[in-house]
Structures are given as structure tokens and as C-alpha cells.
N, C-alpha and C. Protein backbone atom coordinates (compact mmCIF):
# COMPACT_ATOMS: atom_id res chain seq x y z
N MET A 1 -8.99 -10.07 -15.12
CA MET A 1 -7.66 -9.60 -15.45
C MET A 1 -7.50 -8.13 -15.05
N VAL A 2 -8.58 -7.37 -15.24
CA VAL A 2 -8.54 -5.95 -14.88
C VAL A 2 -8.33 -5.79 -13.38
N LEU A 3 -9.00 -6.63 -12.60
CA LEU A 3 -8.84 -6.55 -11.15
C LEU A 3 -7.40 -6.85 -10.73
N LEU A 4 -6.76 -7.77 -11.43
CA LEU A 4 -5.37 -8.08 -11.10
C LEU A 4 -4.44 -6.92 -11.42
N TRP A 5 -4.68 -6.23 -12.55
CA TRP A 5 -3.87 -5.06 -12.90
C TRP A 5 -4.09 -3.93 -11.90
N LEU A 6 -5.33 -3.73 -11.48
CA LEU A 6 -5.61 -2.70 -10.48
C LEU A 6 -4.97 -3.04 -9.13
N THR A 7 -4.97 -4.33 -8.79
CA THR A 7 -4.32 -4.76 -7.56
C THR A 7 -2.82 -4.48 -7.61
N ALA A 8 -2.21 -4.80 -8.74
CA ALA A 8 -0.77 -4.54 -8.90
C ALA A 8 -0.47 -3.05 -8.81
N ALA A 9 -1.31 -2.23 -9.43
CA ALA A 9 -1.11 -0.78 -9.37
C ALA A 9 -1.26 -0.27 -7.94
N ALA A 10 -2.24 -0.77 -7.20
CA ALA A 10 -2.42 -0.35 -5.81
C ALA A 10 -1.24 -0.78 -4.95
N LEU A 11 -0.68 -1.95 -5.22
CA LEU A 11 0.48 -2.40 -4.47
C LEU A 11 1.71 -1.53 -4.75
N VAL A 12 1.86 -1.11 -5.99
CA VAL A 12 2.97 -0.22 -6.34
C VAL A 12 2.81 1.12 -5.62
N VAL A 13 1.60 1.67 -5.63
CA VAL A 13 1.35 2.93 -4.92
C VAL A 13 1.63 2.76 -3.44
N CYS A 14 1.23 1.64 -2.87
CA CYS A 14 1.47 1.38 -1.45
C CYS A 14 2.96 1.34 -1.16
N ALA A 15 3.71 0.64 -1.98
CA ALA A 15 5.15 0.53 -1.76
C ALA A 15 5.85 1.88 -1.90
N VAL A 16 5.50 2.63 -2.93
CA VAL A 16 6.13 3.93 -3.15
C VAL A 16 5.80 4.89 -2.01
N ALA A 17 4.55 4.91 -1.57
CA ALA A 17 4.15 5.80 -0.48
C ALA A 17 4.84 5.42 0.82
N THR A 18 4.96 4.13 1.07
CA THR A 18 5.62 3.69 2.30
C THR A 18 7.10 4.07 2.30
N VAL A 19 7.75 3.89 1.16
CA VAL A 19 9.16 4.27 1.07
C VAL A 19 9.32 5.78 1.18
N LYS A 20 8.38 6.54 0.58
CA LYS A 20 8.45 7.99 0.65
C LYS A 20 8.28 8.46 2.09
N ALA A 21 7.42 7.81 2.85
CA ALA A 21 7.23 8.18 4.26
C ALA A 21 8.53 7.96 5.03
N GLY A 22 9.18 6.86 4.70
CA GLY A 22 10.50 6.58 5.25
C GLY A 22 10.58 6.60 6.77
N TRP A 23 11.76 6.87 7.25
CA TRP A 23 11.99 6.82 8.69
C TRP A 23 11.61 8.11 9.38
N LEU A 24 11.12 9.08 8.64
CA LEU A 24 10.66 10.32 9.28
C LEU A 24 9.33 10.14 10.00
N THR A 25 8.57 9.15 9.58
CA THR A 25 7.27 8.92 10.18
C THR A 25 7.45 8.15 11.49
N PRO A 26 6.96 8.67 12.58
CA PRO A 26 7.21 8.03 13.88
C PRO A 26 6.52 6.69 14.07
N VAL A 27 5.53 6.36 13.25
CA VAL A 27 4.81 5.10 13.43
C VAL A 27 5.65 3.92 12.95
N PHE A 28 6.42 4.13 11.89
CA PHE A 28 7.26 3.06 11.37
C PHE A 28 8.53 2.95 12.19
N VAL A 29 9.02 1.74 12.35
CA VAL A 29 10.29 1.53 13.01
C VAL A 29 11.34 1.35 11.92
N TRP A 30 12.17 2.35 11.73
CA TRP A 30 13.23 2.31 10.73
C TRP A 30 14.57 2.42 11.45
N PRO A 31 15.55 1.66 11.02
CA PRO A 31 16.86 1.78 11.66
C PRO A 31 17.51 3.11 11.30
N VAL A 32 17.84 3.87 12.31
CA VAL A 32 18.51 5.16 12.12
C VAL A 32 19.92 5.00 12.68
N PRO A 33 20.92 5.34 11.90
CA PRO A 33 22.30 5.20 12.39
C PRO A 33 22.51 5.96 13.69
N GLU A 34 23.28 5.36 14.58
CA GLU A 34 23.53 5.97 15.88
C GLU A 34 24.29 7.29 15.71
N GLY A 35 23.90 8.27 16.47
CA GLY A 35 24.53 9.57 16.40
C GLY A 35 23.90 10.50 15.38
N MET A 36 22.97 9.98 14.61
CA MET A 36 22.29 10.82 13.61
C MET A 36 21.06 11.43 14.24
N GLU A 37 20.95 12.72 14.18
CA GLU A 37 19.80 13.40 14.75
C GLU A 37 18.76 13.61 13.67
N ILE A 38 17.52 13.40 14.05
CA ILE A 38 16.43 13.59 13.12
C ILE A 38 15.84 14.97 13.35
N VAL A 39 16.01 15.83 12.41
CA VAL A 39 15.44 17.16 12.47
C VAL A 39 14.53 17.28 11.26
N GLN A 40 13.28 17.58 11.50
CA GLN A 40 12.36 17.72 10.38
C GLN A 40 11.47 18.94 10.57
N THR A 41 11.13 19.50 9.46
CA THR A 41 10.25 20.66 9.48
C THR A 41 8.81 20.18 9.53
N LYS A 42 7.92 21.09 9.75
CA LYS A 42 6.51 20.75 9.77
C LYS A 42 6.08 20.20 8.41
N GLN A 43 6.62 20.78 7.34
CA GLN A 43 6.28 20.33 5.99
C GLN A 43 6.77 18.90 5.76
N GLN A 44 7.98 18.57 6.21
CA GLN A 44 8.49 17.21 6.05
C GLN A 44 7.64 16.22 6.83
N TYR A 45 7.26 16.58 8.04
CA TYR A 45 6.44 15.69 8.87
C TYR A 45 5.08 15.47 8.22
N GLU A 46 4.45 16.54 7.77
CA GLU A 46 3.13 16.41 7.13
C GLU A 46 3.20 15.60 5.85
N ALA A 47 4.27 15.77 5.07
CA ALA A 47 4.44 14.98 3.85
C ALA A 47 4.61 13.50 4.18
N ALA A 48 5.36 13.22 5.23
CA ALA A 48 5.57 11.83 5.63
C ALA A 48 4.27 11.20 6.13
N VAL A 49 3.52 11.94 6.92
CA VAL A 49 2.25 11.42 7.44
C VAL A 49 1.25 11.21 6.32
N SER A 50 1.18 12.13 5.36
CA SER A 50 0.25 11.95 4.23
C SER A 50 0.68 10.78 3.36
N ALA A 51 1.98 10.58 3.17
CA ALA A 51 2.46 9.42 2.41
C ALA A 51 2.11 8.13 3.12
N GLN A 52 2.21 8.15 4.44
CA GLN A 52 1.85 6.97 5.22
C GLN A 52 0.35 6.67 5.07
N GLY A 53 -0.49 7.70 5.13
CA GLY A 53 -1.93 7.51 4.95
C GLY A 53 -2.26 6.98 3.57
N LEU A 54 -1.61 7.52 2.55
CA LEU A 54 -1.82 7.04 1.18
C LEU A 54 -1.41 5.57 1.06
N GLY A 55 -0.31 5.22 1.69
CA GLY A 55 0.14 3.83 1.66
C GLY A 55 -0.87 2.89 2.31
N ARG A 56 -1.45 3.33 3.41
CA ARG A 56 -2.46 2.49 4.08
C ARG A 56 -3.72 2.33 3.23
N VAL A 57 -4.15 3.42 2.61
CA VAL A 57 -5.34 3.34 1.75
C VAL A 57 -5.06 2.43 0.56
N ALA A 58 -3.88 2.56 -0.04
CA ALA A 58 -3.53 1.72 -1.19
C ALA A 58 -3.44 0.25 -0.79
N ALA A 59 -2.98 -0.02 0.43
CA ALA A 59 -2.93 -1.41 0.90
C ALA A 59 -4.33 -1.99 1.06
N VAL A 60 -5.24 -1.21 1.59
CA VAL A 60 -6.63 -1.68 1.74
C VAL A 60 -7.27 -1.90 0.37
N VAL A 61 -7.03 -0.98 -0.56
CA VAL A 61 -7.57 -1.14 -1.92
C VAL A 61 -6.99 -2.38 -2.58
N ALA A 62 -5.69 -2.60 -2.42
CA ALA A 62 -5.05 -3.80 -3.00
C ALA A 62 -5.65 -5.07 -2.42
N LEU A 63 -5.89 -5.08 -1.12
CA LEU A 63 -6.49 -6.24 -0.48
C LEU A 63 -7.90 -6.48 -1.00
N ALA A 64 -8.69 -5.42 -1.09
CA ALA A 64 -10.07 -5.56 -1.58
C ALA A 64 -10.10 -6.03 -3.03
N LEU A 65 -9.25 -5.45 -3.87
CA LEU A 65 -9.21 -5.85 -5.27
C LEU A 65 -8.72 -7.29 -5.43
N GLY A 66 -7.73 -7.67 -4.63
CA GLY A 66 -7.24 -9.04 -4.69
C GLY A 66 -8.32 -10.05 -4.28
N LEU A 67 -9.05 -9.72 -3.21
CA LEU A 67 -10.14 -10.61 -2.79
C LEU A 67 -11.25 -10.64 -3.84
N GLY A 68 -11.53 -9.48 -4.43
CA GLY A 68 -12.54 -9.44 -5.50
C GLY A 68 -12.13 -10.27 -6.69
N ALA A 69 -10.87 -10.22 -7.06
CA ALA A 69 -10.37 -11.03 -8.19
C ALA A 69 -10.48 -12.51 -7.86
N ALA A 70 -10.17 -12.88 -6.61
CA ALA A 70 -10.27 -14.29 -6.23
C ALA A 70 -11.71 -14.78 -6.27
N VAL A 71 -12.64 -13.98 -5.76
CA VAL A 71 -14.05 -14.36 -5.77
C VAL A 71 -14.57 -14.42 -7.20
N PHE A 72 -14.21 -13.44 -8.02
CA PHE A 72 -14.65 -13.44 -9.42
C PHE A 72 -14.12 -14.66 -10.17
N THR A 73 -12.87 -15.02 -9.94
CA THR A 73 -12.30 -16.21 -10.58
C THR A 73 -13.01 -17.47 -10.13
N TYR A 74 -13.28 -17.57 -8.84
CA TYR A 74 -13.99 -18.74 -8.32
C TYR A 74 -15.38 -18.86 -8.94
N LEU A 75 -16.11 -17.74 -8.99
CA LEU A 75 -17.47 -17.79 -9.53
C LEU A 75 -17.48 -18.08 -11.03
N SER A 76 -16.52 -17.57 -11.77
CA SER A 76 -16.49 -17.83 -13.20
C SER A 76 -16.14 -19.29 -13.47
N ARG A 77 -15.24 -19.87 -12.69
CA ARG A 77 -14.92 -21.29 -12.87
C ARG A 77 -16.09 -22.18 -12.48
N ARG A 78 -16.79 -21.76 -11.46
CA ARG A 78 -17.96 -22.53 -11.02
C ARG A 78 -19.05 -22.48 -12.09
N ALA A 79 -19.23 -21.34 -12.73
CA ALA A 79 -20.23 -21.20 -13.79
C ALA A 79 -19.86 -22.05 -15.01
N ARG A 80 -18.56 -22.13 -15.31
CA ARG A 80 -18.12 -22.95 -16.46
C ARG A 80 -18.38 -24.43 -16.20
N ARG A 81 -18.18 -24.87 -14.96
CA ARG A 81 -18.43 -26.28 -14.63
C ARG A 81 -19.91 -26.62 -14.71
N ALA A 82 -20.77 -25.65 -14.42
CA ALA A 82 -22.22 -25.90 -14.42
C ALA A 82 -22.77 -26.08 -15.83
N ARG A 83 -22.05 -25.58 -16.82
CA ARG A 83 -22.55 -25.70 -18.20
C ARG A 83 -22.51 -27.08 -18.67
């Protein structure tokens, strides 16, 4: 159960970081209204890139925790059947 809560928390961090990175990050493809110019400072760019990195790390953590929860559940059910 703890692994599932940690997975949910990592997914929330991933979603928040990805939204915070927004369309300022050049790696993401975000629809920008036509005629709107994107002007960003170095600080805005660095904040977007760090938010993107945090989102990627949180996604990897969520994946690892989710797989760990699945394996733990499988092994615990298998142990119960063996009794």
C-alpha cells in the first residue's frame, strides 16, 4: 500500500512539473497561438528546463514504484497460496 501511495505522489510531482515547464520548454510540443511571440529570460528558460528534468525523474520513480508494487503484490499472493 505504501508503494502505491508513493507512486501516486510521484505521478502528481511529474504532472505538476510538466505543467510548470509548459510551452516554454523547447522539447515539448505545445500549441502556441499564431502571432504570439515567445520571449523568455534566462531565468525562465532555466526554470522550465529544471521543471522538465524533475518531471522526467518523477516519471521514472513512478514507473519503478509501480513495478515494485506489482511484483510485491504478486509475490505476496503467491506466498499466501503456498500456505
